[in-house]
N, C-alpha and C. Protein backbone atom coordinates (compact mmCIF):
# COMPACT_ATOMS: atom_id res chain seq x y z
N MET A 1 0.83 -1.19 0.00
CA MET A 1 0.00 0.00 0.00
C MET A 1 0.87 1.25 0.00
N SER A 2 1.96 1.22 0.75
CA SER A 2 2.81 2.40 0.78
C SER A 2 3.50 2.61 -0.57
N MET A 3 3.87 1.52 -1.25
CA MET A 3 4.48 1.67 -2.57
C MET A 3 3.46 2.25 -3.54
N TYR A 4 2.21 1.86 -3.42
CA TYR A 4 1.17 2.38 -4.30
C TYR A 4 0.96 3.87 -4.06
N MET A 5 0.99 4.30 -2.79
CA MET A 5 0.77 5.71 -2.46
C MET A 5 1.96 6.59 -2.81
N HIS A 6 3.15 6.01 -2.89
CA HIS A 6 4.34 6.77 -3.27
C HIS A 6 4.60 6.71 -4.76
N ASN A 7 3.66 6.17 -5.52
CA ASN A 7 3.74 6.07 -6.98
C ASN A 7 4.96 5.31 -7.46
N VAL A 8 5.36 4.28 -6.73
CA VAL A 8 6.42 3.42 -7.21
C VAL A 8 5.82 2.54 -8.29
N CYS A 9 6.39 2.60 -9.46
CA CYS A 9 5.80 1.94 -10.62
C CYS A 9 6.16 0.45 -10.61
N HIS A 10 5.24 -0.34 -10.14
CA HIS A 10 5.36 -1.80 -10.20
C HIS A 10 4.14 -2.34 -10.90
N ILE A 11 4.36 -3.35 -11.68
CA ILE A 11 3.24 -3.96 -12.39
C ILE A 11 2.36 -4.67 -11.37
N GLY A 12 1.08 -4.35 -11.38
CA GLY A 12 0.14 -5.02 -10.50
C GLY A 12 0.05 -4.43 -9.11
N GLY A 13 0.64 -3.26 -8.87
CA GLY A 13 0.58 -2.67 -7.53
C GLY A 13 -0.83 -2.32 -7.12
N GLY A 14 -1.61 -1.74 -8.06
CA GLY A 14 -2.99 -1.41 -7.76
C GLY A 14 -3.84 -2.65 -7.55
N VAL A 15 -3.53 -3.71 -8.33
CA VAL A 15 -4.26 -4.96 -8.17
C VAL A 15 -3.98 -5.57 -6.80
N LEU A 16 -2.73 -5.52 -6.39
CA LEU A 16 -2.37 -6.04 -5.07
C LEU A 16 -3.05 -5.26 -3.96
N LEU A 17 -3.13 -3.95 -4.11
CA LEU A 17 -3.83 -3.12 -3.13
C LEU A 17 -5.30 -3.51 -3.05
N LEU A 18 -5.95 -3.66 -4.20
CA LEU A 18 -7.36 -4.03 -4.21
C LEU A 18 -7.58 -5.43 -3.64
N MET A 19 -6.67 -6.34 -3.93
CA MET A 19 -6.80 -7.69 -3.36
C MET A 19 -6.67 -7.66 -1.84
N GLY A 20 -5.75 -6.86 -1.33
CA GLY A 20 -5.58 -6.75 0.13
C GLY A 20 -6.80 -6.13 0.79
N LEU A 21 -7.31 -5.05 0.20
CA LEU A 21 -8.50 -4.42 0.76
C LEU A 21 -9.70 -5.34 0.69
N GLY A 22 -9.83 -6.08 -0.42
CA GLY A 22 -10.93 -7.04 -0.54
C GLY A 22 -10.84 -8.13 0.50
N THR A 23 -9.64 -8.61 0.78
CA THR A 23 -9.46 -9.64 1.80
C THR A 23 -9.84 -9.12 3.17
N VAL A 24 -9.44 -7.91 3.49
CA VAL A 24 -9.78 -7.32 4.79
C VAL A 24 -11.29 -7.14 4.91
N LEU A 25 -11.93 -6.63 3.87
CA LEU A 25 -13.38 -6.45 3.90
C LEU A 25 -14.10 -7.78 4.03
N TYR A 26 -13.63 -8.81 3.32
CA TYR A 26 -14.24 -10.13 3.42
C TYR A 26 -14.11 -10.67 4.85
N ALA A 27 -12.93 -10.52 5.47
CA ALA A 27 -12.74 -11.00 6.83
C ALA A 27 -13.66 -10.26 7.80
N MET A 28 -13.86 -8.95 7.58
CA MET A 28 -14.76 -8.19 8.46
C MET A 28 -16.20 -8.68 8.33
N VAL A 29 -16.66 -8.91 7.09
CA VAL A 29 -18.03 -9.36 6.87
C VAL A 29 -18.26 -10.73 7.50
N VAL A 30 -17.31 -11.64 7.30
CA VAL A 30 -17.46 -12.99 7.85
C VAL A 30 -17.41 -12.96 9.37
N TRP A 31 -16.53 -12.13 9.93
CA TRP A 31 -16.43 -12.02 11.39
C TRP A 31 -17.75 -11.56 11.98
N TRP A 32 -18.30 -10.46 11.48
CA TRP A 32 -19.55 -9.93 12.03
C TRP A 32 -20.72 -10.84 11.74
N ARG A 33 -20.71 -11.54 10.60
CA ARG A 33 -21.77 -12.51 10.33
C ARG A 33 -21.77 -13.60 11.39
N ASP A 34 -20.57 -14.10 11.76
CA ASP A 34 -20.49 -15.14 12.78
C ASP A 34 -20.90 -14.63 14.15
N VAL A 35 -20.51 -13.40 14.48
CA VAL A 35 -20.90 -12.83 15.78
C VAL A 35 -22.41 -12.70 15.87
N ILE A 36 -23.04 -12.20 14.80
CA ILE A 36 -24.50 -12.05 14.80
C ILE A 36 -25.17 -13.41 14.87
N ARG A 37 -24.66 -14.37 14.14
CA ARG A 37 -25.23 -15.72 14.17
C ARG A 37 -25.11 -16.35 15.55
N GLU A 38 -23.94 -16.20 16.20
CA GLU A 38 -23.76 -16.75 17.53
C GLU A 38 -24.68 -16.08 18.54
N ALA A 39 -24.86 -14.78 18.42
CA ALA A 39 -25.72 -14.06 19.36
C ALA A 39 -27.18 -14.39 19.14
N THR A 40 -27.60 -14.53 17.89
CA THR A 40 -29.01 -14.72 17.60
C THR A 40 -29.45 -16.15 17.84
N PHE A 41 -28.72 -17.11 17.33
CA PHE A 41 -29.18 -18.49 17.37
C PHE A 41 -28.61 -19.30 18.53
N GLU A 42 -27.42 -18.97 19.00
CA GLU A 42 -26.77 -19.77 20.03
C GLU A 42 -26.81 -19.10 21.40
N GLY A 43 -27.20 -17.85 21.47
CA GLY A 43 -27.34 -17.17 22.76
C GLY A 43 -26.05 -16.69 23.38
N HIS A 44 -24.99 -16.63 22.60
CA HIS A 44 -23.72 -16.11 23.14
C HIS A 44 -23.74 -14.59 23.11
N HIS A 45 -22.69 -13.97 23.65
CA HIS A 45 -22.49 -12.52 23.62
C HIS A 45 -23.62 -11.77 24.34
N ASN A 46 -24.02 -12.27 25.49
CA ASN A 46 -25.00 -11.53 26.28
C ASN A 46 -24.36 -11.16 27.62
N ALA A 47 -25.11 -10.55 28.50
CA ALA A 47 -24.56 -10.02 29.75
C ALA A 47 -24.38 -11.08 30.82
N SER A 48 -24.95 -12.26 30.69
CA SER A 48 -24.91 -13.23 31.77
C SER A 48 -23.51 -13.74 32.12
N PRO A 49 -22.59 -14.00 31.18
CA PRO A 49 -21.27 -14.46 31.61
C PRO A 49 -20.52 -13.43 32.45
N SER A 50 -20.68 -12.16 32.18
CA SER A 50 -19.95 -11.16 32.95
C SER A 50 -20.51 -11.02 34.37
N MET A 51 -21.78 -11.39 34.54
CA MET A 51 -22.37 -11.28 35.88
C MET A 51 -21.84 -12.36 36.81
N ALA A 52 -21.27 -13.44 36.28
CA ALA A 52 -20.77 -14.52 37.13
C ALA A 52 -19.58 -14.06 37.96
N PHE A 53 -18.77 -13.19 37.44
CA PHE A 53 -17.58 -12.71 38.15
C PHE A 53 -17.72 -11.28 38.63
N GLY A 54 -18.87 -10.72 38.56
CA GLY A 54 -19.07 -9.32 38.90
C GLY A 54 -19.21 -8.53 37.62
N SER A 55 -19.92 -7.45 37.69
CA SER A 55 -20.27 -6.75 36.45
C SER A 55 -19.09 -6.05 35.80
N THR A 56 -18.11 -5.62 36.56
CA THR A 56 -17.02 -4.86 35.96
C THR A 56 -15.66 -5.55 36.08
N THR A 57 -15.63 -6.79 36.55
CA THR A 57 -14.34 -7.46 36.74
C THR A 57 -13.62 -7.64 35.41
N GLY A 58 -14.34 -8.07 34.37
CA GLY A 58 -13.72 -8.25 33.06
C GLY A 58 -13.18 -6.94 32.50
N LEU A 59 -13.93 -5.86 32.70
CA LEU A 59 -13.47 -4.56 32.23
C LEU A 59 -12.23 -4.11 32.99
N ARG A 60 -12.21 -4.39 34.27
CA ARG A 60 -11.03 -4.01 35.06
C ARG A 60 -9.80 -4.78 34.61
N TYR A 61 -9.95 -6.10 34.42
CA TYR A 61 -8.82 -6.90 33.96
C TYR A 61 -8.38 -6.47 32.56
N GLY A 62 -9.33 -6.16 31.71
CA GLY A 62 -8.99 -5.70 30.37
C GLY A 62 -8.22 -4.40 30.41
N MET A 63 -8.66 -3.46 31.23
CA MET A 63 -7.96 -2.18 31.35
C MET A 63 -6.59 -2.37 31.98
N LEU A 64 -6.49 -3.26 32.95
CA LEU A 64 -5.20 -3.55 33.58
C LEU A 64 -4.23 -4.14 32.56
N CYS A 65 -4.70 -5.06 31.73
CA CYS A 65 -3.84 -5.64 30.70
C CYS A 65 -3.43 -4.59 29.68
N PHE A 66 -4.35 -3.70 29.33
CA PHE A 66 -4.01 -2.64 28.37
C PHE A 66 -2.93 -1.72 28.94
N ILE A 67 -3.10 -1.30 30.18
CA ILE A 67 -2.11 -0.40 30.80
C ILE A 67 -0.77 -1.11 30.93
N ALA A 68 -0.79 -2.39 31.31
CA ALA A 68 0.46 -3.15 31.43
C ALA A 68 1.15 -3.26 30.07
N SER A 69 0.39 -3.48 29.01
CA SER A 69 1.01 -3.59 27.68
C SER A 69 1.61 -2.25 27.26
N GLU A 70 0.95 -1.14 27.57
CA GLU A 70 1.50 0.17 27.24
C GLU A 70 2.78 0.44 28.01
N VAL A 71 2.81 0.08 29.28
CA VAL A 71 4.01 0.26 30.09
C VAL A 71 5.15 -0.56 29.51
N MET A 72 4.87 -1.81 29.14
CA MET A 72 5.92 -2.66 28.57
C MET A 72 6.41 -2.10 27.23
N PHE A 73 5.51 -1.54 26.43
CA PHE A 73 5.91 -0.95 25.16
C PHE A 73 6.88 0.20 25.38
N PHE A 74 6.55 1.11 26.29
CA PHE A 74 7.41 2.27 26.52
C PHE A 74 8.71 1.87 27.19
N VAL A 75 8.68 0.88 28.07
CA VAL A 75 9.94 0.40 28.65
C VAL A 75 10.84 -0.15 27.56
N ALA A 76 10.28 -0.95 26.65
CA ALA A 76 11.08 -1.52 25.56
C ALA A 76 11.62 -0.42 24.65
N PHE A 77 10.79 0.58 24.35
CA PHE A 77 11.22 1.67 23.47
C PHE A 77 12.39 2.43 24.09
N PHE A 78 12.23 2.85 25.34
CA PHE A 78 13.29 3.64 25.97
C PHE A 78 14.50 2.78 26.31
N TRP A 79 14.29 1.49 26.58
CA TRP A 79 15.42 0.59 26.80
C TRP A 79 16.29 0.55 25.54
N ALA A 80 15.65 0.41 24.38
CA ALA A 80 16.41 0.37 23.13
C ALA A 80 17.10 1.71 22.88
N LEU A 81 16.41 2.80 23.16
CA LEU A 81 17.01 4.12 22.96
C LEU A 81 18.24 4.31 23.84
N PHE A 82 18.10 4.02 25.14
CA PHE A 82 19.22 4.21 26.05
C PHE A 82 20.34 3.21 25.78
N HIS A 83 19.99 1.99 25.39
CA HIS A 83 21.02 1.00 25.08
C HIS A 83 21.85 1.46 23.89
N SER A 84 21.18 2.00 22.88
CA SER A 84 21.91 2.47 21.69
C SER A 84 22.72 3.72 21.98
N SER A 85 22.22 4.60 22.83
CA SER A 85 22.92 5.87 23.06
C SER A 85 24.03 5.75 24.11
N LEU A 86 23.86 4.87 25.09
CA LEU A 86 24.87 4.78 26.15
C LEU A 86 25.97 3.78 25.82
N ALA A 87 25.69 2.83 24.94
CA ALA A 87 26.70 1.85 24.55
C ALA A 87 26.62 1.65 23.03
N PRO A 88 27.07 2.64 22.24
CA PRO A 88 26.97 2.51 20.79
C PRO A 88 27.79 1.35 20.27
N LYS A 89 27.29 0.73 19.24
CA LYS A 89 27.93 -0.44 18.66
C LYS A 89 28.96 -0.03 17.61
N VAL A 90 29.80 -0.99 17.25
CA VAL A 90 30.83 -0.75 16.24
C VAL A 90 30.17 -0.44 14.90
N GLU A 91 29.01 -1.06 14.63
CA GLU A 91 28.33 -0.84 13.36
C GLU A 91 27.90 0.62 13.20
N MET A 92 27.69 1.33 14.32
CA MET A 92 27.29 2.73 14.25
C MET A 92 28.50 3.65 14.34
N GLY A 93 29.69 3.11 14.36
CA GLY A 93 30.90 3.92 14.41
C GLY A 93 31.30 4.30 15.83
N ASP A 94 30.76 3.64 16.82
CA ASP A 94 31.06 3.90 18.24
C ASP A 94 30.77 5.33 18.66
N VAL A 95 29.84 5.99 18.00
CA VAL A 95 29.44 7.35 18.39
C VAL A 95 27.93 7.43 18.43
N TRP A 96 27.45 8.34 19.23
CA TRP A 96 26.01 8.62 19.28
C TRP A 96 25.80 10.10 19.13
N PRO A 97 24.98 10.61 18.32
CA PRO A 97 24.18 9.89 17.32
C PRO A 97 25.06 9.34 16.22
N PRO A 98 24.57 8.38 15.46
CA PRO A 98 25.38 7.77 14.40
C PRO A 98 25.89 8.80 13.40
N LYS A 99 26.99 8.48 12.76
CA LYS A 99 27.58 9.40 11.77
C LYS A 99 26.59 9.68 10.65
N GLY A 100 26.57 10.91 10.20
CA GLY A 100 25.69 11.29 9.12
C GLY A 100 24.36 11.88 9.58
N ILE A 101 24.07 11.83 10.86
CA ILE A 101 22.83 12.41 11.38
C ILE A 101 23.17 13.73 12.04
N SER A 102 22.58 14.80 11.56
CA SER A 102 22.84 16.12 12.15
C SER A 102 21.78 16.40 13.22
N VAL A 103 22.24 16.89 14.34
CA VAL A 103 21.33 17.16 15.46
C VAL A 103 21.26 18.67 15.69
N ILE A 104 20.22 19.08 16.35
CA ILE A 104 20.03 20.50 16.68
C ILE A 104 20.76 20.78 17.98
N HIS A 105 21.54 21.86 17.98
CA HIS A 105 22.26 22.24 19.21
C HIS A 105 21.24 22.69 20.25
N PRO A 106 21.29 22.16 21.49
CA PRO A 106 20.25 22.45 22.46
C PRO A 106 20.28 23.86 23.02
N LEU A 107 21.37 24.56 22.88
CA LEU A 107 21.42 25.90 23.48
C LEU A 107 21.38 26.97 22.48
């Protein structure tokens, strides 16, 4: 999709984009068809399972997992940043920032 938007001339790029979008749309239709079928005919996706553990326990656990995943993402991001800046590798020329990158003087 990015190659198509940057006008990189490849044969079949537009076809590949349409095939990808068609696949995503098909998956969405089939997913929601199954959810509606399960709710209508099989009785799933109603409020009764959440009442077994308390009305908001699932929401609390979901929010806790979301916050934990965000914390882990930022820890990993800054870990990589500090690892690269405090112990530069030979591949980067043993300097931080790497050679060829111009930085703005802070003062």
